Amino acid sequence: MFAQVYKHLKSEGFDVYSIGQHKGICTNPYLVIKENGESEVAGTSLINDTVELLIYYPVGRYSELSSYKKRILDAMKYQRGIRRVIEAMPTIIDDDKKAYMTSFTYKKIKMKEGA
């Protein structure tokens, strides 16, 4: 699911990274896609595949963060079979990156291999 989300958000004009890839402070908004693994759906042959979109937005531009998050939500609406599962995490300040940080979590239900 990582590749699917990455390609989609890139094509929508977002600056997207895998975990640990972005270096330095946040001078422009960007997203980090973090795979949160798979979990079985009890009593079925299905698996939840989960990713978290970590949102970084430069400190000092808080008034713009809300519209950036809305752009992400709007873009993700068009990903077939993927849906948001948790409300946005509270916004915090990442002192190392000098950024506001929050996240959205998405899941995709898929069949177990060999099922």
C-alpha atoms as a PDB file:
ATOM      1  CA  MET A   1       0.000   0.000   0.000  1.00  0.00           C
ATOM      2  CA  PHE A   2       2.974   2.317   0.609  1.00  0.00           C
ATOM      3  CA  ALA A   3       3.786   2.543  -3.123  1.00  0.00           C
ATOM      4  CA  GLN A   4       0.151   3.164  -4.068  1.00  0.00           C
ATOM      5  CA  VAL A   5      -0.256   6.040  -1.594  1.00  0.00           C
ATOM      6  CA  TYR A   6       3.192   7.474  -2.387  1.00  0.00           C
ATOM      7  CA  LYS A   7       2.569   7.577  -6.145  1.00  0.00           C
ATOM      8  CA  HIS A   8      -0.901   9.049  -5.710  1.00  0.00           C
ATOM      9  CA  LEU A   9       0.171  11.854  -3.359  1.00  0.00           C
ATOM     10  CA  LYS A  10       3.216  12.636  -5.557  1.00  0.00           C
ATOM     11  CA  SER A  11       0.928  12.907  -8.601  1.00  0.00           C
ATOM     12  CA  GLU A  12      -1.300  15.287  -6.615  1.00  0.00           C
ATOM     13  CA  GLY A  13       1.682  17.622  -6.118  1.00  0.00           C
ATOM     14  CA  PHE A  14       2.630  16.786  -2.528  1.00  0.00           C
ATOM     15  CA  ASP A  15       6.237  16.580  -1.359  1.00  0.00           C
ATOM     16  CA  VAL A  16       6.339  12.956  -0.110  1.00  0.00           C
ATOM     17  CA  TYR A  17       9.024  10.924   1.679  1.00  0.00           C
ATOM     18  CA  SER A  18       9.439   7.493   3.202  1.00  0.00           C
ATOM     19  CA  ILE A  19      10.283   7.327   6.894  1.00  0.00           C
ATOM     20  CA  GLY A  20      13.803   8.605   7.684  1.00  0.00           C
ATOM     21  CA  GLN A  21      14.317  10.030   4.191  1.00  0.00           C
ATOM     22  CA  HIS A  22      13.776  13.786   4.805  1.00  0.00           C
ATOM     23  CA  LYS A  23      16.826  15.573   6.191  1.00  0.00           C
ATOM     24  CA  GLY A  24      17.054  18.962   7.893  1.00  0.00           C
ATOM     25  CA  ILE A  25      14.466  21.426   9.070  1.00  0.00           C
ATOM     26  CA  CYS A  26      11.027  21.873   7.540  1.00  0.00           C
ATOM     27  CA  THR A  27      11.100  24.865   5.197  1.00  0.00           C
ATOM     28  CA  ASN A  28       8.173  23.666   3.055  1.00  0.00           C
ATOM     29  CA  PRO A  29       5.268  21.361   3.912  1.00  0.00           C
ATOM     30  CA  TYR A  30       5.847  17.653   3.355  1.00  0.00           C
ATOM     31  CA  LEU A  31       4.427  14.216   4.120  1.00  0.00           C
ATOM     32  CA  VAL A  32       6.122  11.096   5.423  1.00  0.00           C
ATOM     33  CA  ILE A  33       4.420   7.773   4.745  1.00  0.00           C
ATOM     34  CA  LYS A  34       4.954   5.290   7.572  1.00  0.00           C
ATOM     35  CA  GLU A  35       3.835   1.682   7.245  1.00  0.00           C
ATOM     36  CA  ASN A  36       2.134   0.533  10.441  1.00  0.00           C
ATOM     37  CA  GLY A  37       1.921  -3.127   9.435  1.00  0.00           C
ATOM     38  CA  GLU A  38      -0.836  -5.603   8.901  1.00  0.00           C
ATOM     39  CA  SER A  39      -3.354  -7.084  11.317  1.00  0.00           C
ATOM     40  CA  GLU A  40      -5.799  -9.937  10.869  1.00  0.00           C
ATOM     41  CA  VAL A  41      -9.527  -9.287  10.889  1.00  0.00           C
ATOM     42  CA  ALA A  42     -10.787 -11.801  13.467  1.00  0.00           C
ATOM     43  CA  GLY A  43     -12.790 -14.693  12.084  1.00  0.00           C
ATOM     44  CA  THR A  44     -12.125 -13.847   8.425  1.00  0.00           C
ATOM     45  CA  SER A  45      -9.539 -14.371   5.715  1.00  0.00           C
ATOM     46  CA  LEU A  46      -8.953 -10.596   5.584  1.00  0.00           C
ATOM     47  CA  ILE A  47      -6.059  -8.381   6.655  1.00  0.00           C
ATOM     48  CA  ASN A  48      -5.965  -4.666   7.492  1.00  0.00           C
ATOM     49  CA  ASP A  49      -2.918  -3.026   5.895  1.00  0.00           C
ATOM     50  CA  THR A  50      -2.290   0.301   7.671  1.00  0.00           C
ATOM     51  CA  VAL A  51      -0.242   3.390   6.836  1.00  0.00           C
ATOM     52  CA  GLU A  52       0.157   6.670   8.659  1.00  0.00           C
ATOM     53  CA  LEU A  53       0.629   9.978   6.847  1.00  0.00           C
ATOM     54  CA  LEU A  54       2.854  12.158   9.019  1.00  0.00           C
ATOM     55  CA  ILE A  55       2.252  15.799   8.146  1.00  0.00           C
ATOM     56  CA  TYR A  56       5.020  18.364   8.652  1.00  0.00           C
ATOM     57  CA  TYR A  57       4.315  22.075   8.235  1.00  0.00           C
ATOM     58  CA  PRO A  58       6.789  24.923   8.909  1.00  0.00           C
ATOM     59  CA  VAL A  59       6.533  26.600  12.322  1.00  0.00           C
ATOM     60  CA  GLY A  60       5.191  30.144  12.061  1.00  0.00           C
ATOM     61  CA  ARG A  61       2.620  29.243   9.388  1.00  0.00           C
ATOM     62  CA  TYR A  62       0.007  27.595  11.616  1.00  0.00           C
ATOM     63  CA  SER A  63      -2.878  29.474   9.983  1.00  0.00           C
ATOM     64  CA  GLU A  64      -2.123  27.609   6.712  1.00  0.00           C
ATOM     65  CA  LEU A  65      -2.014  24.105   8.225  1.00  0.00           C
ATOM     66  CA  SER A  66      -5.766  23.515   8.161  1.00  0.00           C
ATOM     67  CA  SER A  67      -6.079  24.078   4.406  1.00  0.00           C
ATOM     68  CA  TYR A  68      -3.052  21.827   3.770  1.00  0.00           C
ATOM     69  CA  LYS A  69      -4.665  19.022   5.786  1.00  0.00           C
ATOM     70  CA  LYS A  70      -7.896  19.494   3.818  1.00  0.00           C
ATOM     71  CA  ARG A  71      -5.966  19.134   0.544  1.00  0.00           C
ATOM     72  CA  ILE A  72      -4.550  15.831   1.793  1.00  0.00           C
ATOM     73  CA  LEU A  73      -7.974  14.544   2.846  1.00  0.00           C
ATOM     74  CA  ASP A  74      -9.471  15.561  -0.501  1.00  0.00           C
ATOM     75  CA  ALA A  75      -6.664  13.847  -2.432  1.00  0.00           C
ATOM     76  CA  MET A  76      -6.987  10.631  -0.407  1.00  0.00           C
ATOM     77  CA  LYS A  77     -10.738  10.396  -1.088  1.00  0.00           C
ATOM     78  CA  TYR A  78      -9.869   9.179  -4.583  1.00  0.00           C
ATOM     79  CA  GLN A  79      -7.774   6.215  -3.448  1.00  0.00           C
ATOM     80  CA  ARG A  80      -9.889   3.135  -4.151  1.00  0.00           C
ATOM     81  CA  GLY A  81     -10.209   0.704  -1.269  1.00  0.00           C
ATOM     82  CA  ILE A  82      -8.391   2.940   1.216  1.00  0.00           C
ATOM     83  CA  ARG A  83     -10.140   4.752   4.027  1.00  0.00           C
ATOM     84  CA  ARG A  84      -9.191   6.876   6.994  1.00  0.00           C
ATOM     85  CA  VAL A  85      -9.593   5.045  10.289  1.00  0.00           C
ATOM     86  CA  ILE A  86      -8.569   7.488  12.996  1.00  0.00           C
ATOM     87  CA  GLU A  87      -9.209  11.200  13.362  1.00  0.00           C
ATOM     88  CA  ALA A  88      -6.154  13.418  12.956  1.00  0.00           C
ATOM     89  CA  MET A  89      -3.734  13.246  15.839  1.00  0.00           C
ATOM     90  CA  PRO A  90      -3.373  16.467  17.859  1.00  0.00           C
ATOM     91  CA  THR A  91      -0.904  18.900  16.326  1.00  0.00           C
ATOM     92  CA  ILE A  92       2.425  19.101  18.142  1.00  0.00           C
ATOM     93  CA  ILE A  93       5.648  20.977  17.482  1.00  0.00           C
ATOM     94  CA  ASP A  94       8.627  18.920  16.333  1.00  0.00           C
ATOM     95  CA  ASP A  95      11.523  21.023  17.627  1.00  0.00           C
ATOM     96  CA  ASP A  96      14.151  19.129  15.597  1.00  0.00           C
ATOM     97  CA  LYS A  97      12.332  19.755  12.303  1.00  0.00           C
ATOM     98  CA  LYS A  98      10.986  23.178  13.364  1.00  0.00           C
ATOM     99  CA  ALA A  99       7.574  22.028  12.171  1.00  0.00           C
ATOM    100  CA  TYR A 100       4.014  21.512  13.267  1.00  0.00           C
ATOM    101  CA  MET A 101       3.315  17.794  13.067  1.00  0.00           C
ATOM    102  CA  THR A 102       0.112  15.779  12.958  1.00  0.00           C
ATOM    103  CA  SER A 103      -0.983  12.601  11.193  1.00  0.00           C
ATOM    104  CA  PHE A 104      -3.798  10.729   9.459  1.00  0.00           C
ATOM    105  CA  THR A 105      -4.071   6.923   9.533  1.00  0.00           C
ATOM    106  CA  TYR A 106      -5.483   4.917   6.628  1.00  0.00           C
ATOM    107  CA  LYS A 107      -6.202   1.252   6.081  1.00  0.00           C
ATOM    108  CA  LYS A 108      -6.830  -1.057   3.182  1.00  0.00           C
ATOM    109  CA  ILE A 109      -8.569  -4.383   3.669  1.00  0.00           C
ATOM    110  CA  LYS A 110      -7.105  -7.207   1.618  1.00  0.00           C
ATOM    111  CA  MET A 111      -7.230 -11.000   1.437  1.00  0.00           C
ATOM    112  CA  LYS A 112      -4.658 -13.085   3.283  1.00  0.00           C
ATOM    113  CA  GLU A 113      -2.167 -14.671   0.926  1.00  0.00           C
ATOM    114  CA  GLY A 114      -3.237 -18.214   0.095  1.00  0.00           C
ATOM    115  CA  ALA A 115      -6.800 -17.569   1.305  1.00  0.00           C
END
